[in-house]
């Protein structure tokens, strides 16, 4: 368990404000980490690690959305 918590430092940018645009898109499997600015998802293959990342994002107040937001065409 300690290794996973230590590994969370690799994901700090998802919730610490150093990179903007990170949200969670709710899915049947729990959620997908998504960047609204780059319009790219972050694949976290390990289910336990993904669950911890989603928990940290929720604890740090990152938005959880029901759908990918539409990007302004302007």
PDB file of N, CA and C in Angstrom:
ATOM      1  N   UNK A   1       0.827  -1.204   0.000  1.00  0.00           N
ATOM      2  CA  UNK A   1       0.000   0.000   0.000  1.00  0.00           C
ATOM      3  C   UNK A   1       0.863   1.256   0.000  1.00  0.00           C
ATOM      4  N   UNK A   2       1.951   1.234   0.722  1.00  0.00           N
ATOM      5  CA  UNK A   2       2.813   2.401   0.807  1.00  0.00           C
ATOM      6  C   UNK A   2       3.381   2.776  -0.562  1.00  0.00           C
ATOM      7  N   UNK A   3       3.701   1.782  -1.378  1.00  0.00           N
ATOM      8  CA  UNK A   3       4.249   2.056  -2.709  1.00  0.00           C
ATOM      9  C   UNK A   3       3.249   2.823  -3.564  1.00  0.00           C
ATOM     10  N   UNK A   4       1.963   2.481  -3.447  1.00  0.00           N
ATOM     11  CA  UNK A   4       0.948   3.184  -4.222  1.00  0.00           C
ATOM     12  C   UNK A   4       0.823   4.632  -3.779  1.00  0.00           C
ATOM     13  N   UNK A   5       0.854   4.852  -2.472  1.00  0.00           N
ATOM     14  CA  UNK A   5       0.754   6.221  -1.968  1.00  0.00           C
ATOM     15  C   UNK A   5       1.961   7.026  -2.422  1.00  0.00           C
ATOM     16  N   UNK A   6       3.158   6.452  -2.339  1.00  0.00           N
ATOM     17  CA  UNK A   6       4.362   7.128  -2.808  1.00  0.00           C
ATOM     18  C   UNK A   6       4.250   7.414  -4.296  1.00  0.00           C
ATOM     19  N   UNK A   7       3.712   6.458  -5.061  1.00  0.00           N
ATOM     20  CA  UNK A   7       3.545   6.626  -6.497  1.00  0.00           C
ATOM     21  C   UNK A   7       2.580   7.736  -6.864  1.00  0.00           C
ATOM     22  N   UNK A   8       1.761   8.166  -5.931  1.00  0.00           N
ATOM     23  CA  UNK A   8       0.808   9.232  -6.220  1.00  0.00           C
ATOM     24  C   UNK A   8       1.521  10.529  -6.555  1.00  0.00           C
ATOM     25  N   UNK A   9       2.783  10.682  -6.150  1.00  0.00           N
ATOM     26  CA  UNK A   9       3.536  11.891  -6.492  1.00  0.00           C
ATOM     27  C   UNK A   9       3.655  12.035  -8.004  1.00  0.00           C
ATOM     28  N   UNK A  10       3.628  10.912  -8.717  1.00  0.00           N
ATOM     29  CA  UNK A  10       3.692  10.960 -10.178  1.00  0.00           C
ATOM     30  C   UNK A  10       2.445  11.604 -10.777  1.00  0.00           C
ATOM     31  N   UNK A  11       1.386  11.674  -9.998  1.00  0.00           N
ATOM     32  CA  UNK A  11       0.104  12.179 -10.483  1.00  0.00           C
ATOM     33  C   UNK A  11      -0.291  13.520  -9.867  1.00  0.00           C
ATOM     34  N   UNK A  12       0.558  14.090  -9.044  1.00  0.00           N
ATOM     35  CA  UNK A  12       0.230  15.349  -8.353  1.00  0.00           C
ATOM     36  C   UNK A  12      -0.285  16.426  -9.294  1.00  0.00           C
ATOM     37  N   UNK A  13       0.256  16.486 -10.501  1.00  0.00           N
ATOM     38  CA  UNK A  13      -0.131  17.537 -11.452  1.00  0.00           C
ATOM     39  C   UNK A  13      -1.608  17.473 -11.826  1.00  0.00           C
ATOM     40  N   UNK A  14      -2.257  16.337 -11.555  1.00  0.00           N
ATOM     41  CA  UNK A  14      -3.676  16.201 -11.879  1.00  0.00           C
ATOM     42  C   UNK A  14      -4.557  17.007 -10.929  1.00  0.00           C
ATOM     43  N   UNK A  15      -4.061  17.310  -9.748  1.00  0.00           N
ATOM     44  CA  UNK A  15      -4.890  18.018  -8.762  1.00  0.00           C
ATOM     45  C   UNK A  15      -4.190  19.183  -8.073  1.00  0.00           C
ATOM     46  N   UNK A  16      -2.893  19.392  -8.289  1.00  0.00           N
ATOM     47  CA  UNK A  16      -2.210  20.437  -7.516  1.00  0.00           C
ATOM     48  C   UNK A  16      -2.213  21.813  -8.174  1.00  0.00           C
ATOM     49  N   UNK A  17      -2.808  21.929  -9.369  1.00  0.00           N
ATOM     50  CA  UNK A  17      -2.894  23.221 -10.033  1.00  0.00           C
ATOM     51  C   UNK A  17      -1.712  23.536 -10.934  1.00  0.00           C
ATOM     52  N   UNK A  18      -0.705  22.674 -10.971  1.00  0.00           N
ATOM     53  CA  UNK A  18       0.458  22.951 -11.823  1.00  0.00           C
ATOM     54  C   UNK A  18       0.152  22.743 -13.308  1.00  0.00           C
ATOM     55  N   UNK A  19      -0.878  21.957 -13.611  1.00  0.00           N
ATOM     56  CA  UNK A  19      -1.366  21.787 -14.985  1.00  0.00           C
ATOM     57  C   UNK A  19      -2.876  21.972 -14.960  1.00  0.00           C
ATOM     58  N   UNK A  20      -3.366  22.873 -15.782  1.00  0.00           N
ATOM     59  CA  UNK A  20      -4.800  23.152 -15.797  1.00  0.00           C
ATOM     60  C   UNK A  20      -5.563  22.155 -16.663  1.00  0.00           C
ATOM     61  N   UNK A  21      -6.845  22.051 -16.397  1.00  0.00           N
ATOM     62  CA  UNK A  21      -7.737  21.325 -17.282  1.00  0.00           C
ATOM     63  C   UNK A  21      -8.083  19.901 -16.885  1.00  0.00           C
ATOM     64  N   UNK A  22      -7.506  19.367 -15.817  1.00  0.00           N
ATOM     65  CA  UNK A  22      -7.755  17.973 -15.462  1.00  0.00           C
ATOM     66  C   UNK A  22      -9.094  17.805 -14.751  1.00  0.00           C
ATOM     67  N   UNK A  23      -9.894  16.872 -15.244  1.00  0.00           N
ATOM     68  CA  UNK A  23     -11.194  16.535 -14.665  1.00  0.00           C
ATOM     69  C   UNK A  23     -11.343  15.019 -14.706  1.00  0.00           C
ATOM     70  N   UNK A  24     -12.425  14.540 -14.127  1.00  0.00           N
ATOM     71  CA  UNK A  24     -12.785  13.123 -14.225  1.00  0.00           C
ATOM     72  C   UNK A  24     -14.113  13.041 -14.964  1.00  0.00           C
ATOM     73  N   UNK A  25     -14.137  12.214 -15.995  1.00  0.00           N
ATOM     74  CA  UNK A  25     -15.379  11.932 -16.698  1.00  0.00           C
ATOM     75  C   UNK A  25     -15.933  10.645 -16.098  1.00  0.00           C
ATOM     76  N   UNK A  26     -17.124  10.725 -15.529  1.00  0.00           N
ATOM     77  CA  UNK A  26     -17.729   9.536 -14.902  1.00  0.00           C
ATOM     78  C   UNK A  26     -18.011   8.476 -15.964  1.00  0.00           C
ATOM     79  N   UNK A  27     -17.660   7.242 -15.640  1.00  0.00           N
ATOM     80  CA  UNK A  27     -17.902   6.109 -16.532  1.00  0.00           C
ATOM     81  C   UNK A  27     -18.442   4.948 -15.713  1.00  0.00           C
ATOM     82  N   UNK A  28     -18.858   3.894 -16.400  1.00  0.00           N
ATOM     83  CA  UNK A  28     -19.335   2.699 -15.691  1.00  0.00           C
ATOM     84  C   UNK A  28     -18.242   2.080 -14.834  1.00  0.00           C
ATOM     85  N   UNK A  29     -16.994   2.254 -15.255  1.00  0.00           N
ATOM     86  CA  UNK A  29     -15.877   1.671 -14.505  1.00  0.00           C
ATOM     87  C   UNK A  29     -15.375   2.591 -13.398  1.00  0.00           C
ATOM     88  N   UNK A  30     -16.034   3.709 -13.186  1.00  0.00           N
ATOM     89  CA  UNK A  30     -15.655   4.613 -12.112  1.00  0.00           C
ATOM     90  C   UNK A  30     -15.292   5.997 -12.591  1.00  0.00           C
ATOM     91  N   UNK A  31     -14.432   6.076 -13.593  1.00  0.00           N
ATOM     92  CA  UNK A  31     -14.064   7.379 -14.112  1.00  0.00           C
ATOM     93  C   UNK A  31     -12.827   7.324 -14.980  1.00  0.00           C
ATOM     94  N   UNK A  32     -12.726   8.321 -15.855  1.00  0.00           N
ATOM     95  CA  UNK A  32     -11.576   8.477 -16.724  1.00  0.00           C
ATOM     96  C   UNK A  32     -10.983   9.853 -16.485  1.00  0.00           C
ATOM     97  N   UNK A  33      -9.682   9.903 -16.276  1.00  0.00           N
ATOM     98  CA  UNK A  33      -8.987  11.165 -16.088  1.00  0.00           C
ATOM     99  C   UNK A  33      -8.835  11.804 -17.467  1.00  0.00           C
ATOM    100  N   UNK A  34      -9.255  13.060 -17.586  1.00  0.00           N
ATOM    101  CA  UNK A  34      -9.320  13.734 -18.888  1.00  0.00           C
ATOM    102  C   UNK A  34      -8.829  15.166 -18.745  1.00  0.00           C
ATOM    103  N   UNK A  35      -8.102  15.636 -19.762  1.00  0.00           N
ATOM    104  CA  UNK A  35      -7.656  17.023 -19.775  1.00  0.00           C
ATOM    105  C   UNK A  35      -8.474  17.798 -20.804  1.00  0.00           C
ATOM    106  N   UNK A  36      -9.236  18.756 -20.330  1.00  0.00           N
ATOM    107  CA  UNK A  36     -10.123  19.540 -21.198  1.00  0.00           C
ATOM    108  C   UNK A  36      -9.350  20.428 -22.165  1.00  0.00           C
ATOM    109  N   UNK A  37      -8.149  20.839 -21.806  1.00  0.00           N
ATOM    110  CA  UNK A  37      -7.370  21.710 -22.686  1.00  0.00           C
ATOM    111  C   UNK A  37      -6.744  20.930 -23.835  1.00  0.00           C
ATOM    112  N   UNK A  38      -6.139  19.795 -23.537  1.00  0.00           N
ATOM    113  CA  UNK A  38      -5.489  19.004 -24.586  1.00  0.00           C
ATOM    114  C   UNK A  38      -6.461  18.037 -25.252  1.00  0.00           C
ATOM    115  N   UNK A  39      -7.620  17.858 -24.644  1.00  0.00           N
ATOM    116  CA  UNK A  39      -8.651  16.924 -25.105  1.00  0.00           C
ATOM    117  C   UNK A  39      -8.114  15.498 -25.190  1.00  0.00           C
ATOM    118  N   UNK A  40      -7.330  15.121 -24.168  1.00  0.00           N
ATOM    119  CA  UNK A  40      -6.758  13.784 -24.120  1.00  0.00           C
ATOM    120  C   UNK A  40      -7.047  13.144 -22.772  1.00  0.00           C
ATOM    121  N   UNK A  41      -7.274  11.836 -22.809  1.00  0.00           N
ATOM    122  CA  UNK A  41      -7.478  11.064 -21.592  1.00  0.00           C
ATOM    123  C   UNK A  41      -6.144  10.502 -21.129  1.00  0.00           C
ATOM    124  N   UNK A  42      -6.025  10.298 -19.827  1.00  0.00           N
ATOM    125  CA  UNK A  42      -4.849   9.684 -19.241  1.00  0.00           C
ATOM    126  C   UNK A  42      -5.201   8.241 -18.902  1.00  0.00           C
ATOM    127  N   UNK A  43      -4.527   7.307 -19.531  1.00  0.00           N
ATOM    128  CA  UNK A  43      -4.781   5.896 -19.290  1.00  0.00           C
ATOM    129  C   UNK A  43      -3.968   5.436 -18.091  1.00  0.00           C
ATOM    130  N   UNK A  44      -4.668   4.937 -17.074  1.00  0.00           N
ATOM    131  CA  UNK A  44      -4.021   4.341 -15.907  1.00  0.00           C
ATOM    132  C   UNK A  44      -4.486   2.892 -15.876  1.00  0.00           C
ATOM    133  N   UNK A  45      -3.616   1.998 -16.284  1.00  0.00           N
ATOM    134  CA  UNK A  45      -4.000   0.605 -16.469  1.00  0.00           C
ATOM    135  C   UNK A  45      -4.244  -0.142 -15.163  1.00  0.00           C
ATOM    136  N   UNK A  46      -3.481   0.156 -14.130  1.00  0.00           N
ATOM    137  CA  UNK A  46      -3.634  -0.526 -12.851  1.00  0.00           C
ATOM    138  C   UNK A  46      -4.899  -0.016 -12.155  1.00  0.00           C
ATOM    139  N   UNK A  47      -5.843  -0.913 -11.907  1.00  0.00           N
ATOM    140  CA  UNK A  47      -7.138  -0.505 -11.333  1.00  0.00           C
ATOM    141  C   UNK A  47      -7.011   0.109  -9.950  1.00  0.00           C
ATOM    142  N   UNK A  48      -6.137  -0.446  -9.110  1.00  0.00           N
ATOM    143  CA  UNK A  48      -5.959   0.099  -7.760  1.00  0.00           C
ATOM    144  C   UNK A  48      -5.348   1.497  -7.814  1.00  0.00           C
ATOM    145  N   UNK A  49      -4.372   1.668  -8.689  1.00  0.00           N
ATOM    146  CA  UNK A  49      -3.728   2.974  -8.849  1.00  0.00           C
ATOM    147  C   UNK A  49      -4.736   3.996  -9.374  1.00  0.00           C
ATOM    148  N   UNK A  50      -5.540   3.588 -10.364  1.00  0.00           N
ATOM    149  CA  UNK A  50      -6.558   4.493 -10.916  1.00  0.00           C
ATOM    150  C   UNK A  50      -7.553   4.898  -9.833  1.00  0.00           C
ATOM    151  N   UNK A  51      -7.971   3.940  -9.010  1.00  0.00           N
ATOM    152  CA  UNK A  51      -8.911   4.243  -7.929  1.00  0.00           C
ATOM    153  C   UNK A  51      -8.317   5.253  -6.957  1.00  0.00           C
ATOM    154  N   UNK A  52      -7.040   5.124  -6.667  1.00  0.00           N
ATOM    155  CA  UNK A  52      -6.394   6.081  -5.753  1.00  0.00           C
ATOM    156  C   UNK A  52      -6.281   7.460  -6.393  1.00  0.00           C
ATOM    157  N   UNK A  53      -5.968   7.504  -7.680  1.00  0.00           N
ATOM    158  CA  UNK A  53      -5.892   8.792  -8.377  1.00  0.00           C
ATOM    159  C   UNK A  53      -7.260   9.467  -8.366  1.00  0.00           C
ATOM    160  N   UNK A  54      -8.305   8.719  -8.677  1.00  0.00           N
ATOM    161  CA  UNK A  54      -9.657   9.295  -8.672  1.00  0.00           C
ATOM    162  C   UNK A  54     -10.030   9.796  -7.283  1.00  0.00           C
ATOM    163  N   UNK A  55      -9.658   9.053  -6.256  1.00  0.00           N
ATOM    164  CA  UNK A  55      -9.943   9.476  -4.881  1.00  0.00           C
ATOM    165  C   UNK A  55      -9.206  10.776  -4.559  1.00  0.00           C
ATOM    166  N   UNK A  56      -7.938  10.858  -4.944  1.00  0.00           N
ATOM    167  CA  UNK A  56      -7.168  12.084  -4.689  1.00  0.00           C
ATOM    168  C   UNK A  56      -7.754  13.272  -5.443  1.00  0.00           C
ATOM    169  N   UNK A  57      -8.160  13.035  -6.672  1.00  0.00           N
ATOM    170  CA  UNK A  57      -8.760  14.124  -7.453  1.00  0.00           C
ATOM    171  C   UNK A  57     -10.039  14.612  -6.800  1.00  0.00           C
ATOM    172  N   UNK A  58     -10.851  13.687  -6.286  1.00  0.00           N
ATOM    173  CA  UNK A  58     -12.082  14.081  -5.605  1.00  0.00           C
ATOM    174  C   UNK A  58     -11.764  14.839  -4.316  1.00  0.00           C
ATOM    175  N   UNK A  59     -10.799  14.338  -3.547  1.00  0.00           N
ATOM    176  CA  UNK A  59     -10.429  14.990  -2.288  1.00  0.00           C
ATOM    177  C   UNK A  59      -9.873  16.394  -2.514  1.00  0.00           C
ATOM    178  N   UNK A  60      -9.251  16.621  -3.666  1.00  0.00           N
ATOM    179  CA  UNK A  60      -8.688  17.936  -3.970  1.00  0.00           C
ATOM    180  C   UNK A  60      -9.643  18.817  -4.771  1.00  0.00           C
ATOM    181  N   UNK A  61     -10.884  18.365  -4.913  1.00  0.00           N
ATOM    182  CA  UNK A  61     -11.917  19.212  -5.509  1.00  0.00           C
ATOM    183  C   UNK A  61     -11.893  19.314  -7.021  1.00  0.00           C
ATOM    184  N   UNK A  62     -11.236  18.367  -7.692  1.00  0.00           N
ATOM    185  CA  UNK A  62     -11.263  18.392  -9.153  1.00  0.00           C
ATOM    186  C   UNK A  62     -12.666  18.042  -9.624  1.00  0.00           C
ATOM    187  N   UNK A  63     -13.124  18.638 -10.716  1.00  0.00           N
ATOM    188  CA  UNK A  63     -14.488  18.386 -11.197  1.00  0.00           C
ATOM    189  C   UNK A  63     -14.687  16.943 -11.674  1.00  0.00           C
ATOM    190  N   UNK A  64     -15.857  16.403 -11.358  1.00  0.00           N
ATOM    191  CA  UNK A  64     -16.318  15.116 -11.881  1.00  0.00           C
ATOM    192  C   UNK A  64     -17.498  15.429 -12.787  1.00  0.00           C
ATOM    193  N   UNK A  65     -17.370  15.095 -14.061  1.00  0.00           N
ATOM    194  CA  UNK A  65     -18.362  15.458 -15.081  1.00  0.00           C
ATOM    195  C   UNK A  65     -19.044  14.214 -15.634  1.00  0.00           C
ATOM    196  N   UNK A  66     -20.256  14.398 -16.148  1.00  0.00           N
ATOM    197  CA  UNK A  66     -20.998  13.295 -16.742  1.00  0.00           C
ATOM    198  C   UNK A  66     -20.653  13.076 -18.211  1.00  0.00           C
ATOM    199  N   UNK A  67     -20.027  14.054 -18.845  1.00  0.00           N
ATOM    200  CA  UNK A  67     -19.683  13.952 -20.261  1.00  0.00           C
ATOM    201  C   UNK A  67     -18.475  14.835 -20.552  1.00  0.00           C
ATOM    202  N   UNK A  68     -17.824  14.556 -21.671  1.00  0.00           N
ATOM    203  CA  UNK A  68     -16.700  15.389 -22.106  1.00  0.00           C
ATOM    204  C   UNK A  68     -17.261  16.748 -22.514  1.00  0.00           C
ATOM    205  N   UNK A  69     -16.719  17.819 -21.963  1.00  0.00           N
ATOM    206  CA  UNK A  69     -17.229  19.151 -22.305  1.00  0.00           C
ATOM    207  C   UNK A  69     -16.938  19.496 -23.762  1.00  0.00           C
ATOM    208  N   UNK A  70     -17.871  20.199 -24.367  1.00  0.00           N
ATOM    209  CA  UNK A  70     -17.675  20.662 -25.748  1.00  0.00           C
ATOM    210  C   UNK A  70     -16.680  21.794 -25.736  1.00  0.00           C
ATOM    211  N   UNK A  71     -15.803  21.775 -26.698  1.00  0.00           N
ATOM    212  CA  UNK A  71     -14.794  22.826 -26.805  1.00  0.00           C
ATOM    213  C   UNK A  71     -15.341  23.970 -27.638  1.00  0.00           C
ATOM    214  N   UNK A  72     -15.082  25.204 -27.204  1.00  0.00           N
ATOM    215  CA  UNK A  72     -15.516  26.384 -27.970  1.00  0.00           C
ATOM    216  C   UNK A  72     -14.823  26.371 -29.322  1.00  0.00           C
ATOM    217  N   UNK A  73     -15.584  26.662 -30.376  1.00  0.00           N
ATOM    218  CA  UNK A  73     -15.023  26.678 -31.733  1.00  0.00           C
ATOM    219  C   UNK A  73     -14.344  27.995 -32.067  1.00  0.00           C
ATOM    220  N   UNK A  74     -14.482  28.968 -31.198  1.00  0.00           N
ATOM    221  CA  UNK A  74     -13.887  30.293 -31.466  1.00  0.00           C
ATOM    222  C   UNK A  74     -12.418  30.325 -31.144  1.00  0.00           C
TER     223      UNK A  74
END
